[in-house]
């Protein structure tokens, strides 16, 4: 029960990230594209996490549960990569500002 509540709370947090207004400088078209990629990746990640959580909660087969855990882990790693990419670019090229970060 506690894991289910934690999963629901995490999904609501991700939904809050999607609903937040993105601040993208209009003079950087690459940042507009990256902002759209962030939004679509987050929405896809939320849907995949919901599917994995549902499969994990309802399945009794050990193989299906392991696949759901792998999917959920992949979603988390993917979202971390997508959201922290501007920080990595900023540190690699010593820029003062990368897409508003």
PDB file of N, CA and C in Angstrom:
ATOM      1  N   UNK A   1       0.827  -1.187   0.000  1.00  0.00           N
ATOM      2  CA  UNK A   1       0.000   0.000   0.000  1.00  0.00           C
ATOM      3  C   UNK A   1       0.875   1.255   0.000  1.00  0.00           C
ATOM      4  N   UNK A   2       1.948   1.221   0.790  1.00  0.00           N
ATOM      5  CA  UNK A   2       2.825   2.385   0.896  1.00  0.00           C
ATOM      6  C   UNK A   2       3.541   2.648  -0.420  1.00  0.00           C
ATOM      7  N   UNK A   3       3.954   1.591  -1.110  1.00  0.00           N
ATOM      8  CA  UNK A   3       4.625   1.759  -2.388  1.00  0.00           C
ATOM      9  C   UNK A   3       3.688   2.362  -3.422  1.00  0.00           C
ATOM     10  N   UNK A   4       2.421   1.957  -3.375  1.00  0.00           N
ATOM     11  CA  UNK A   4       1.443   2.501  -4.302  1.00  0.00           C
ATOM     12  C   UNK A   4       1.262   3.995  -4.067  1.00  0.00           C
ATOM     13  N   UNK A   5       1.180   4.400  -2.823  1.00  0.00           N
ATOM     14  CA  UNK A   5       1.020   5.820  -2.511  1.00  0.00           C
ATOM     15  C   UNK A   5       2.258   6.614  -2.936  1.00  0.00           C
ATOM     16  N   UNK A   6       3.436   6.024  -2.760  1.00  0.00           N
ATOM     17  CA  UNK A   6       4.659   6.705  -3.178  1.00  0.00           C
ATOM     18  C   UNK A   6       4.705   6.837  -4.700  1.00  0.00           C
ATOM     19  N   UNK A   7       4.252   5.804  -5.410  1.00  0.00           N
ATOM     20  CA  UNK A   7       4.222   5.864  -6.874  1.00  0.00           C
ATOM     21  C   UNK A   7       3.246   6.934  -7.349  1.00  0.00           C
ATOM     22  N   UNK A   8       2.099   7.020  -6.721  1.00  0.00           N
ATOM     23  CA  UNK A   8       1.111   8.037  -7.091  1.00  0.00           C
ATOM     24  C   UNK A   8       1.670   9.433  -6.812  1.00  0.00           C
ATOM     25  N   UNK A   9       2.343   9.607  -5.688  1.00  0.00           N
ATOM     26  CA  UNK A   9       2.940  10.904  -5.360  1.00  0.00           C
ATOM     27  C   UNK A   9       4.009  11.282  -6.381  1.00  0.00           C
ATOM     28  N   UNK A  10       4.815  10.317  -6.795  1.00  0.00           N
ATOM     29  CA  UNK A  10       5.849  10.591  -7.792  1.00  0.00           C
ATOM     30  C   UNK A  10       5.226  10.984  -9.126  1.00  0.00           C
ATOM     31  N   UNK A  11       4.156  10.306  -9.517  1.00  0.00           N
ATOM     32  CA  UNK A  11       3.480  10.649 -10.766  1.00  0.00           C
ATOM     33  C   UNK A  11       2.889  12.045 -10.704  1.00  0.00           C
ATOM     34  N   UNK A  12       2.345  12.429  -9.573  1.00  0.00           N
ATOM     35  CA  UNK A  12       1.802  13.776  -9.430  1.00  0.00           C
ATOM     36  C   UNK A  12       2.913  14.824  -9.496  1.00  0.00           C
ATOM     37  N   UNK A  13       4.076  14.497  -8.955  1.00  0.00           N
ATOM     38  CA  UNK A  13       5.210  15.427  -9.046  1.00  0.00           C
ATOM     39  C   UNK A  13       5.648  15.601 -10.496  1.00  0.00           C
ATOM     40  N   UNK A  14       5.714  14.486 -11.244  1.00  0.00           N
ATOM     41  CA  UNK A  14       6.067  14.584 -12.653  1.00  0.00           C
ATOM     42  C   UNK A  14       5.016  15.373 -13.422  1.00  0.00           C
ATOM     43  N   UNK A  15       3.753  15.200 -13.067  1.00  0.00           N
ATOM     44  CA  UNK A  15       2.693  15.958 -13.728  1.00  0.00           C
ATOM     45  C   UNK A  15       2.857  17.443 -13.444  1.00  0.00           C
ATOM     46  N   UNK A  16       3.310  17.794 -12.248  1.00  0.00           N
ATOM     47  CA  UNK A  16       3.571  19.184 -11.927  1.00  0.00           C
ATOM     48  C   UNK A  16       4.706  19.759 -12.757  1.00  0.00           C
ATOM     49  N   UNK A  17       5.718  18.937 -13.042  1.00  0.00           N
ATOM     50  CA  UNK A  17       6.803  19.394 -13.894  1.00  0.00           C
ATOM     51  C   UNK A  17       6.318  19.673 -15.307  1.00  0.00           C
ATOM     52  N   UNK A  18       5.420  18.835 -15.797  1.00  0.00           N
ATOM     53  CA  UNK A  18       4.895  19.018 -17.143  1.00  0.00           C
ATOM     54  C   UNK A  18       4.031  20.267 -17.200  1.00  0.00           C
ATOM     55  N   UNK A  19       3.245  20.515 -16.158  1.00  0.00           N
ATOM     56  CA  UNK A  19       2.342  21.650 -16.149  1.00  0.00           C
ATOM     57  C   UNK A  19       3.069  22.964 -15.915  1.00  0.00           C
ATOM     58  N   UNK A  20       4.303  22.919 -15.395  1.00  0.00           N
ATOM     59  CA  UNK A  20       5.047  24.146 -15.123  1.00  0.00           C
ATOM     60  C   UNK A  20       5.385  24.854 -16.432  1.00  0.00           C
ATOM     61  N   UNK A  21       5.368  26.155 -16.375  1.00  0.00           N
ATOM     62  CA  UNK A  21       5.664  26.944 -17.561  1.00  0.00           C
ATOM     63  C   UNK A  21       7.162  26.889 -17.849  1.00  0.00           C
ATOM     64  N   UNK A  22       7.497  26.572 -19.095  1.00  0.00           N
ATOM     65  CA  UNK A  22       8.891  26.516 -19.504  1.00  0.00           C
ATOM     66  C   UNK A  22       9.350  27.905 -19.915  1.00  0.00           C
ATOM     67  N   UNK A  23      10.482  28.328 -19.414  1.00  0.00           N
ATOM     68  CA  UNK A  23      11.041  29.621 -19.778  1.00  0.00           C
ATOM     69  C   UNK A  23      12.153  29.365 -20.779  1.00  0.00           C
ATOM     70  N   UNK A  24      11.870  29.629 -22.056  1.00  0.00           N
ATOM     71  CA  UNK A  24      12.821  29.370 -23.121  1.00  0.00           C
ATOM     72  C   UNK A  24      13.065  30.675 -23.866  1.00  0.00           C
ATOM     73  N   UNK A  25      14.317  31.098 -23.957  1.00  0.00           N
ATOM     74  CA  UNK A  25      14.596  32.337 -24.676  1.00  0.00           C
ATOM     75  C   UNK A  25      14.184  32.226 -26.142  1.00  0.00           C
ATOM     76  N   UNK A  26      13.432  33.190 -26.668  1.00  0.00           N
ATOM     77  CA  UNK A  26      12.953  33.092 -28.050  1.00  0.00           C
ATOM     78  C   UNK A  26      14.062  33.207 -29.084  1.00  0.00           C
ATOM     79  N   UNK A  27      15.219  33.750 -28.707  1.00  0.00           N
ATOM     80  CA  UNK A  27      16.294  33.902 -29.692  1.00  0.00           C
ATOM     81  C   UNK A  27      17.084  32.613 -29.899  1.00  0.00           C
ATOM     82  N   UNK A  28      16.745  31.556 -29.182  1.00  0.00           N
ATOM     83  CA  UNK A  28      17.450  30.287 -29.320  1.00  0.00           C
ATOM     84  C   UNK A  28      16.465  29.207 -29.779  1.00  0.00           C
ATOM     85  N   UNK A  29      16.363  28.977 -31.106  1.00  0.00           N
ATOM     86  CA  UNK A  29      15.397  27.980 -31.592  1.00  0.00           C
ATOM     87  C   UNK A  29      15.729  26.559 -31.143  1.00  0.00           C
ATOM     88  N   UNK A  30      17.001  26.274 -30.875  1.00  0.00           N
ATOM     89  CA  UNK A  30      17.370  24.945 -30.398  1.00  0.00           C
ATOM     90  C   UNK A  30      16.749  24.707 -29.024  1.00  0.00           C
ATOM     91  N   UNK A  31      16.663  25.763 -28.229  1.00  0.00           N
ATOM     92  CA  UNK A  31      16.070  25.631 -26.897  1.00  0.00           C
ATOM     93  C   UNK A  31      14.571  25.376 -26.997  1.00  0.00           C
ATOM     94  N   UNK A  32      13.925  25.935 -28.003  1.00  0.00           N
ATOM     95  CA  UNK A  32      12.503  25.640 -28.203  1.00  0.00           C
ATOM     96  C   UNK A  32      12.298  24.162 -28.516  1.00  0.00           C
ATOM     97  N   UNK A  33      13.151  23.643 -29.398  1.00  0.00           N
ATOM     98  CA  UNK A  33      13.074  22.222 -29.736  1.00  0.00           C
ATOM     99  C   UNK A  33      13.361  21.368 -28.515  1.00  0.00           C
ATOM    100  N   UNK A  34      14.372  21.742 -27.747  1.00  0.00           N
ATOM    101  CA  UNK A  34      14.705  20.976 -26.549  1.00  0.00           C
ATOM    102  C   UNK A  34      13.570  21.039 -25.529  1.00  0.00           C
ATOM    103  N   UNK A  35      12.923  22.190 -25.410  1.00  0.00           N
ATOM    104  CA  UNK A  35      11.781  22.308 -24.500  1.00  0.00           C
ATOM    105  C   UNK A  35      10.645  21.375 -24.905  1.00  0.00           C
ATOM    106  N   UNK A  36      10.387  21.266 -26.207  1.00  0.00           N
ATOM    107  CA  UNK A  36       9.343  20.348 -26.675  1.00  0.00           C
ATOM    108  C   UNK A  36       9.744  18.903 -26.399  1.00  0.00           C
ATOM    109  N   UNK A  37      11.023  18.593 -26.595  1.00  0.00           N
ATOM    110  CA  UNK A  37      11.498  17.233 -26.310  1.00  0.00           C
ATOM    111  C   UNK A  37      11.327  16.920 -24.830  1.00  0.00           C
ATOM    112  N   UNK A  38      11.631  17.880 -23.958  1.00  0.00           N
ATOM    113  CA  UNK A  38      11.455  17.682 -22.521  1.00  0.00           C
ATOM    114  C   UNK A  38       9.997  17.383 -22.185  1.00  0.00           C
ATOM    115  N   UNK A  39       9.093  18.162 -22.755  1.00  0.00           N
ATOM    116  CA  UNK A  39       7.674  17.979 -22.449  1.00  0.00           C
ATOM    117  C   UNK A  39       7.188  16.621 -22.931  1.00  0.00           C
ATOM    118  N   UNK A  40       7.493  16.274 -24.180  1.00  0.00           N
ATOM    119  CA  UNK A  40       7.021  14.990 -24.707  1.00  0.00           C
ATOM    120  C   UNK A  40       7.676  13.806 -24.009  1.00  0.00           C
ATOM    121  N   UNK A  41       8.953  13.925 -23.658  1.00  0.00           N
ATOM    122  CA  UNK A  41       9.629  12.840 -22.942  1.00  0.00           C
ATOM    123  C   UNK A  41       9.038  12.665 -21.553  1.00  0.00           C
ATOM    124  N   UNK A  42       8.695  13.774 -20.909  1.00  0.00           N
ATOM    125  CA  UNK A  42       8.107  13.679 -19.575  1.00  0.00           C
ATOM    126  C   UNK A  42       6.718  13.065 -19.627  1.00  0.00           C
ATOM    127  N   UNK A  43       5.928  13.470 -20.597  1.00  0.00           N
ATOM    128  CA  UNK A  43       4.587  12.879 -20.737  1.00  0.00           C
ATOM    129  C   UNK A  43       4.694  11.390 -21.052  1.00  0.00           C
ATOM    130  N   UNK A  44       5.582  11.037 -21.982  1.00  0.00           N
ATOM    131  CA  UNK A  44       5.790   9.622 -22.294  1.00  0.00           C
ATOM    132  C   UNK A  44       6.312   8.845 -21.105  1.00  0.00           C
ATOM    133  N   UNK A  45       7.201   9.466 -20.337  1.00  0.00           N
ATOM    134  CA  UNK A  45       7.732   8.817 -19.140  1.00  0.00           C
ATOM    135  C   UNK A  45       6.659   8.585 -18.089  1.00  0.00           C
ATOM    136  N   UNK A  46       5.765   9.547 -17.936  1.00  0.00           N
ATOM    137  CA  UNK A  46       4.669   9.389 -16.982  1.00  0.00           C
ATOM    138  C   UNK A  46       3.755   8.245 -17.401  1.00  0.00           C
ATOM    139  N   UNK A  47       3.443   8.192 -18.688  1.00  0.00           N
ATOM    140  CA  UNK A  47       2.575   7.106 -19.168  1.00  0.00           C
ATOM    141  C   UNK A  47       3.253   5.742 -19.022  1.00  0.00           C
ATOM    142  N   UNK A  48       4.545   5.676 -19.340  1.00  0.00           N
ATOM    143  CA  UNK A  48       5.269   4.413 -19.203  1.00  0.00           C
ATOM    144  C   UNK A  48       5.385   4.006 -17.737  1.00  0.00           C
ATOM    145  N   UNK A  49       5.609   4.993 -16.856  1.00  0.00           N
ATOM    146  CA  UNK A  49       5.697   4.686 -15.424  1.00  0.00           C
ATOM    147  C   UNK A  49       4.345   4.218 -14.892  1.00  0.00           C
ATOM    148  N   UNK A  50       3.271   4.812 -15.379  1.00  0.00           N
ATOM    149  CA  UNK A  50       1.943   4.380 -14.951  1.00  0.00           C
ATOM    150  C   UNK A  50       1.665   2.950 -15.414  1.00  0.00           C
ATOM    151  N   UNK A  51       2.047   2.644 -16.650  1.00  0.00           N
ATOM    152  CA  UNK A  51       1.868   1.284 -17.152  1.00  0.00           C
ATOM    153  C   UNK A  51       2.705   0.289 -16.344  1.00  0.00           C
ATOM    154  N   UNK A  52       3.961   0.655 -16.072  1.00  0.00           N
ATOM    155  CA  UNK A  52       4.831  -0.235 -15.300  1.00  0.00           C
ATOM    156  C   UNK A  52       4.291  -0.418 -13.885  1.00  0.00           C
ATOM    157  N   UNK A  53       3.808   0.643 -13.289  1.00  0.00           N
ATOM    158  CA  UNK A  53       3.237   0.537 -11.948  1.00  0.00           C
ATOM    159  C   UNK A  53       1.992  -0.327 -11.919  1.00  0.00           C
ATOM    160  N   UNK A  54       1.143  -0.167 -12.932  1.00  0.00           N
ATOM    161  CA  UNK A  54      -0.058  -0.994 -13.007  1.00  0.00           C
ATOM    162  C   UNK A  54       0.306  -2.462 -13.186  1.00  0.00           C
ATOM    163  N   UNK A  55       1.262  -2.734 -14.077  1.00  0.00           N
ATOM    164  CA  UNK A  55       1.702  -4.109 -14.298  1.00  0.00           C
ATOM    165  C   UNK A  55       2.327  -4.685 -13.027  1.00  0.00           C
ATOM    166  N   UNK A  56       3.115  -3.873 -12.354  1.00  0.00           N
ATOM    167  CA  UNK A  56       3.765  -4.320 -11.124  1.00  0.00           C
ATOM    168  C   UNK A  56       2.743  -4.607 -10.030  1.00  0.00           C
ATOM    169  N   UNK A  57       1.692  -3.812  -9.962  1.00  0.00           N
ATOM    170  CA  UNK A  57       0.700  -3.971  -8.907  1.00  0.00           C
ATOM    171  C   UNK A  57      -0.263  -5.125  -9.171  1.00  0.00           C
ATOM    172  N   UNK A  58      -0.522  -5.428 -10.442  1.00  0.00           N
ATOM    173  CA  UNK A  58      -1.555  -6.416 -10.740  1.00  0.00           C
ATOM    174  C   UNK A  58      -1.024  -7.780 -11.151  1.00  0.00           C
ATOM    175  N   UNK A  59       0.269  -7.880 -11.467  1.00  0.00           N
ATOM    176  CA  UNK A  59       0.803  -9.138 -11.976  1.00  0.00           C
ATOM    177  C   UNK A  59       1.287 -10.031 -10.839  1.00  0.00           C
ATOM    178  N   UNK A  60       1.070 -11.324 -11.021  1.00  0.00           N
ATOM    179  CA  UNK A  60       1.570 -12.315 -10.074  1.00  0.00           C
ATOM    180  C   UNK A  60       2.746 -13.094 -10.670  1.00  0.00           C
ATOM    181  N   UNK A  61       2.977 -12.910 -11.965  1.00  0.00           N
ATOM    182  CA  UNK A  61       4.071 -13.600 -12.641  1.00  0.00           C
ATOM    183  C   UNK A  61       5.388 -12.862 -12.355  1.00  0.00           C
ATOM    184  N   UNK A  62       6.382 -13.605 -11.923  1.00  0.00           N
ATOM    185  CA  UNK A  62       7.655 -13.007 -11.535  1.00  0.00           C
ATOM    186  C   UNK A  62       8.363 -12.357 -12.723  1.00  0.00           C
ATOM    187  N   UNK A  63       8.278 -12.957 -13.902  1.00  0.00           N
ATOM    188  CA  UNK A  63       8.940 -12.398 -15.079  1.00  0.00           C
ATOM    189  C   UNK A  63       8.304 -11.067 -15.477  1.00  0.00           C
ATOM    190  N   UNK A  64       6.983 -10.986 -15.429  1.00  0.00           N
ATOM    191  CA  UNK A  64       6.307  -9.730 -15.758  1.00  0.00           C
ATOM    192  C   UNK A  64       6.647  -8.645 -14.751  1.00  0.00           C
ATOM    193  N   UNK A  65       6.742  -9.009 -13.483  1.00  0.00           N
ATOM    194  CA  UNK A  65       7.088  -8.030 -12.447  1.00  0.00           C
ATOM    195  C   UNK A  65       8.510  -7.501 -12.644  1.00  0.00           C
ATOM    196  N   UNK A  66       9.431  -8.393 -13.006  1.00  0.00           N
ATOM    197  CA  UNK A  66      10.805  -7.961 -13.265  1.00  0.00           C
ATOM    198  C   UNK A  66      10.887  -7.044 -14.480  1.00  0.00           C
ATOM    199  N   UNK A  67      10.108  -7.351 -15.532  1.00  0.00           N
ATOM    200  CA  UNK A  67      10.073  -6.485 -16.705  1.00  0.00           C
ATOM    201  C   UNK A  67       9.514  -5.113 -16.354  1.00  0.00           C
ATOM    202  N   UNK A  68       8.493  -5.080 -15.501  1.00  0.00           N
ATOM    203  CA  UNK A  68       7.916  -3.805 -15.079  1.00  0.00           C
ATOM    204  C   UNK A  68       8.924  -2.997 -14.265  1.00  0.00           C
ATOM    205  N   UNK A  69       9.689  -3.666 -13.412  1.00  0.00           N
ATOM    206  CA  UNK A  69      10.717  -2.973 -12.630  1.00  0.00           C
ATOM    207  C   UNK A  69      11.799  -2.402 -13.541  1.00  0.00           C
ATOM    208  N   UNK A  70      12.202  -3.179 -14.557  1.00  0.00           N
ATOM    209  CA  UNK A  70      13.197  -2.683 -15.497  1.00  0.00           C
ATOM    210  C   UNK A  70      12.677  -1.480 -16.277  1.00  0.00           C
ATOM    211  N   UNK A  71      11.414  -1.531 -16.677  1.00  0.00           N
ATOM    212  CA  UNK A  71      10.803  -0.413 -17.396  1.00  0.00           C
ATOM    213  C   UNK A  71      10.769   0.830 -16.520  1.00  0.00           C
ATOM    214  N   UNK A  72      10.385   0.671 -15.278  1.00  0.00           N
ATOM    215  CA  UNK A  72      10.318   1.800 -14.359  1.00  0.00           C
ATOM    216  C   UNK A  72      11.703   2.394 -14.116  1.00  0.00           C
ATOM    217  N   UNK A  73      12.697   1.551 -13.966  1.00  0.00           N
ATOM    218  CA  UNK A  73      14.066   2.043 -13.805  1.00  0.00           C
ATOM    219  C   UNK A  73      14.552   2.780 -15.045  1.00  0.00           C
ATOM    220  N   UNK A  74      14.211   2.270 -16.208  1.00  0.00           N
ATOM    221  CA  UNK A  74      14.587   2.936 -17.452  1.00  0.00           C
ATOM    222  C   UNK A  74      13.925   4.290 -17.605  1.00  0.00           C
ATOM    223  N   UNK A  75      12.672   4.378 -17.176  1.00  0.00           N
ATOM    224  CA  UNK A  75      11.959   5.657 -17.233  1.00  0.00           C
ATOM    225  C   UNK A  75      12.640   6.679 -16.329  1.00  0.00           C
ATOM    226  N   UNK A  76      12.979   6.272 -15.133  1.00  0.00           N
ATOM    227  CA  UNK A  76      13.621   7.200 -14.193  1.00  0.00           C
ATOM    228  C   UNK A  76      14.968   7.668 -14.741  1.00  0.00           C
ATOM    229  N   UNK A  77      15.777   6.746 -15.231  1.00  0.00           N
ATOM    230  CA  UNK A  77      17.083   7.115 -15.778  1.00  0.00           C
ATOM    231  C   UNK A  77      16.920   8.016 -17.002  1.00  0.00           C
ATOM    232  N   UNK A  78      15.970   7.697 -17.863  1.00  0.00           N
ATOM    233  CA  UNK A  78      15.730   8.516 -19.048  1.00  0.00           C
ATOM    234  C   UNK A  78      15.304   9.925 -18.698  1.00  0.00           C
ATOM    235  N   UNK A  79      14.406  10.068 -17.734  1.00  0.00           N
ATOM    236  CA  UNK A  79      13.964  11.405 -17.339  1.00  0.00           C
ATOM    237  C   UNK A  79      15.082  12.200 -16.678  1.00  0.00           C
ATOM    238  N   UNK A  80      15.924  11.523 -15.912  1.00  0.00           N
ATOM    239  CA  UNK A  80      17.062  12.216 -15.313  1.00  0.00           C
ATOM    240  C   UNK A  80      17.989  12.733 -16.412  1.00  0.00           C
ATOM    241  N   UNK A  81      18.250  11.925 -17.416  1.00  0.00           N
ATOM    242  CA  UNK A  81      19.120  12.343 -18.518  1.00  0.00           C
ATOM    243  C   UNK A  81      18.510  13.519 -19.270  1.00  0.00           C
ATOM    244  N   UNK A  82      17.213  13.438 -19.580  1.00  0.00           N
ATOM    245  CA  UNK A  82      16.570  14.502 -20.344  1.00  0.00           C
ATOM    246  C   UNK A  82      16.566  15.818 -19.568  1.00  0.00           C
ATOM    247  N   UNK A  83      16.297  15.770 -18.286  1.00  0.00           N
ATOM    248  CA  UNK A  83      16.179  17.000 -17.512  1.00  0.00           C
ATOM    249  C   UNK A  83      17.526  17.579 -17.090  1.00  0.00           C
ATOM    250  N   UNK A  84      18.562  16.760 -16.995  1.00  0.00           N
ATOM    251  CA  UNK A  84      19.863  17.279 -16.582  1.00  0.00           C
ATOM    252  C   UNK A  84      20.821  17.535 -17.746  1.00  0.00           C
ATOM    253  N   UNK A  85      20.390  17.295 -18.966  1.00  0.00           N
ATOM    254  CA  UNK A  85      21.240  17.518 -20.130  1.00  0.00           C
ATOM    255  C   UNK A  85      21.717  18.970 -20.248  1.00  0.00           C
ATOM    256  N   UNK A  86      20.867  19.981 -20.006  1.00  0.00           N
ATOM    257  CA  UNK A  86      21.390  21.357 -20.101  1.00  0.00           C
ATOM    258  C   UNK A  86      22.503  21.649 -19.097  1.00  0.00           C
ATOM    259  N   UNK A  87      22.429  21.052 -17.919  1.00  0.00           N
ATOM    260  CA  UNK A  87      23.500  21.266 -16.946  1.00  0.00           C
ATOM    261  C   UNK A  87      24.809  20.639 -17.420  1.00  0.00           C
ATOM    262  N   UNK A  88      24.718  19.477 -18.057  1.00  0.00           N
ATOM    263  CA  UNK A  88      25.920  18.834 -18.585  1.00  0.00           C
ATOM    264  C   UNK A  88      26.519  19.669 -19.714  1.00  0.00           C
ATOM    265  N   UNK A  89      25.673  20.190 -20.598  1.00  0.00           N
ATOM    266  CA  UNK A  89      26.162  21.032 -21.693  1.00  0.00           C
ATOM    267  C   UNK A  89      26.786  22.305 -21.134  1.00  0.00           C
ATOM    268  N   UNK A  90      26.136  22.867 -20.144  1.00  0.00           N
ATOM    269  CA  UNK A  90      26.639  24.105 -19.532  1.00  0.00           C
ATOM    270  C   UNK A  90      28.027  23.896 -18.931  1.00  0.00           C
ATOM    271  N   UNK A  91      28.238  22.771 -18.273  1.00  0.00           N
ATOM    272  CA  UNK A  91      29.545  22.521 -17.663  1.00  0.00           C
ATOM    273  C   UNK A  91      30.597  22.123 -18.698  1.00  0.00           C
ATOM    274  N   UNK A  92      30.189  21.486 -19.797  1.00  0.00           N
ATOM    275  CA  UNK A  92      31.157  21.064 -20.807  1.00  0.00           C
ATOM    276  C   UNK A  92      31.668  22.223 -21.655  1.00  0.00           C
ATOM    277  N   UNK A  93      30.803  23.176 -21.966  1.00  0.00           N
ATOM    278  CA  UNK A  93      31.210  24.273 -22.853  1.00  0.00           C
ATOM    279  C   UNK A  93      31.466  25.562 -22.081  1.00  0.00           C
ATOM    280  N   UNK A  94      31.397  25.525 -20.778  1.00  0.00           N
ATOM    281  CA  UNK A  94      31.619  26.693 -19.928  1.00  0.00           C
ATOM    282  C   UNK A  94      30.741  27.876 -20.340  1.00  0.00           C
ATOM    283  N   UNK A  95      29.494  27.596 -20.603  1.00  0.00           N
ATOM    284  CA  UNK A  95      28.539  28.648 -20.969  1.00  0.00           C
ATOM    285  C   UNK A  95      27.935  29.253 -19.711  1.00  0.00           C
ATOM    286  N   UNK A  96      27.530  30.490 -19.822  1.00  0.00           N
ATOM    287  CA  UNK A  96      26.898  31.124 -18.668  1.00  0.00           C
ATOM    288  C   UNK A  96      25.420  30.761 -18.582  1.00  0.00           C
ATOM    289  N   UNK A  97      24.806  30.452 -19.727  1.00  0.00           N
ATOM    290  CA  UNK A  97      23.387  30.140 -19.749  1.00  0.00           C
ATOM    291  C   UNK A  97      23.098  29.180 -20.891  1.00  0.00           C
ATOM    292  N   UNK A  98      22.439  28.072 -20.589  1.00  0.00           N
ATOM    293  CA  UNK A  98      22.046  27.117 -21.616  1.00  0.00           C
ATOM    294  C   UNK A  98      20.562  26.873 -21.474  1.00  0.00           C
ATOM    295  N   UNK A  99      19.786  27.377 -22.397  1.00  0.00           N
ATOM    296  CA  UNK A  99      18.325  27.199 -22.423  1.00  0.00           C
ATOM    297  C   UNK A  99      17.675  27.614 -21.113  1.00  0.00           C
ATOM    298  N   UNK A 100      18.122  28.678 -20.528  1.00  0.00           N
ATOM    299  CA  UNK A 100      17.507  29.183 -19.314  1.00  0.00           C
ATOM    300  C   UNK A 100      17.968  28.515 -18.037  1.00  0.00           C
ATOM    301  N   UNK A 101      18.972  27.655 -18.092  1.00  0.00           N
ATOM    302  CA  UNK A 101      19.474  26.971 -16.888  1.00  0.00           C
ATOM    303  C   UNK A 101      20.700  27.695 -16.396  1.00  0.00           C
TER     304      UNK A 101
END
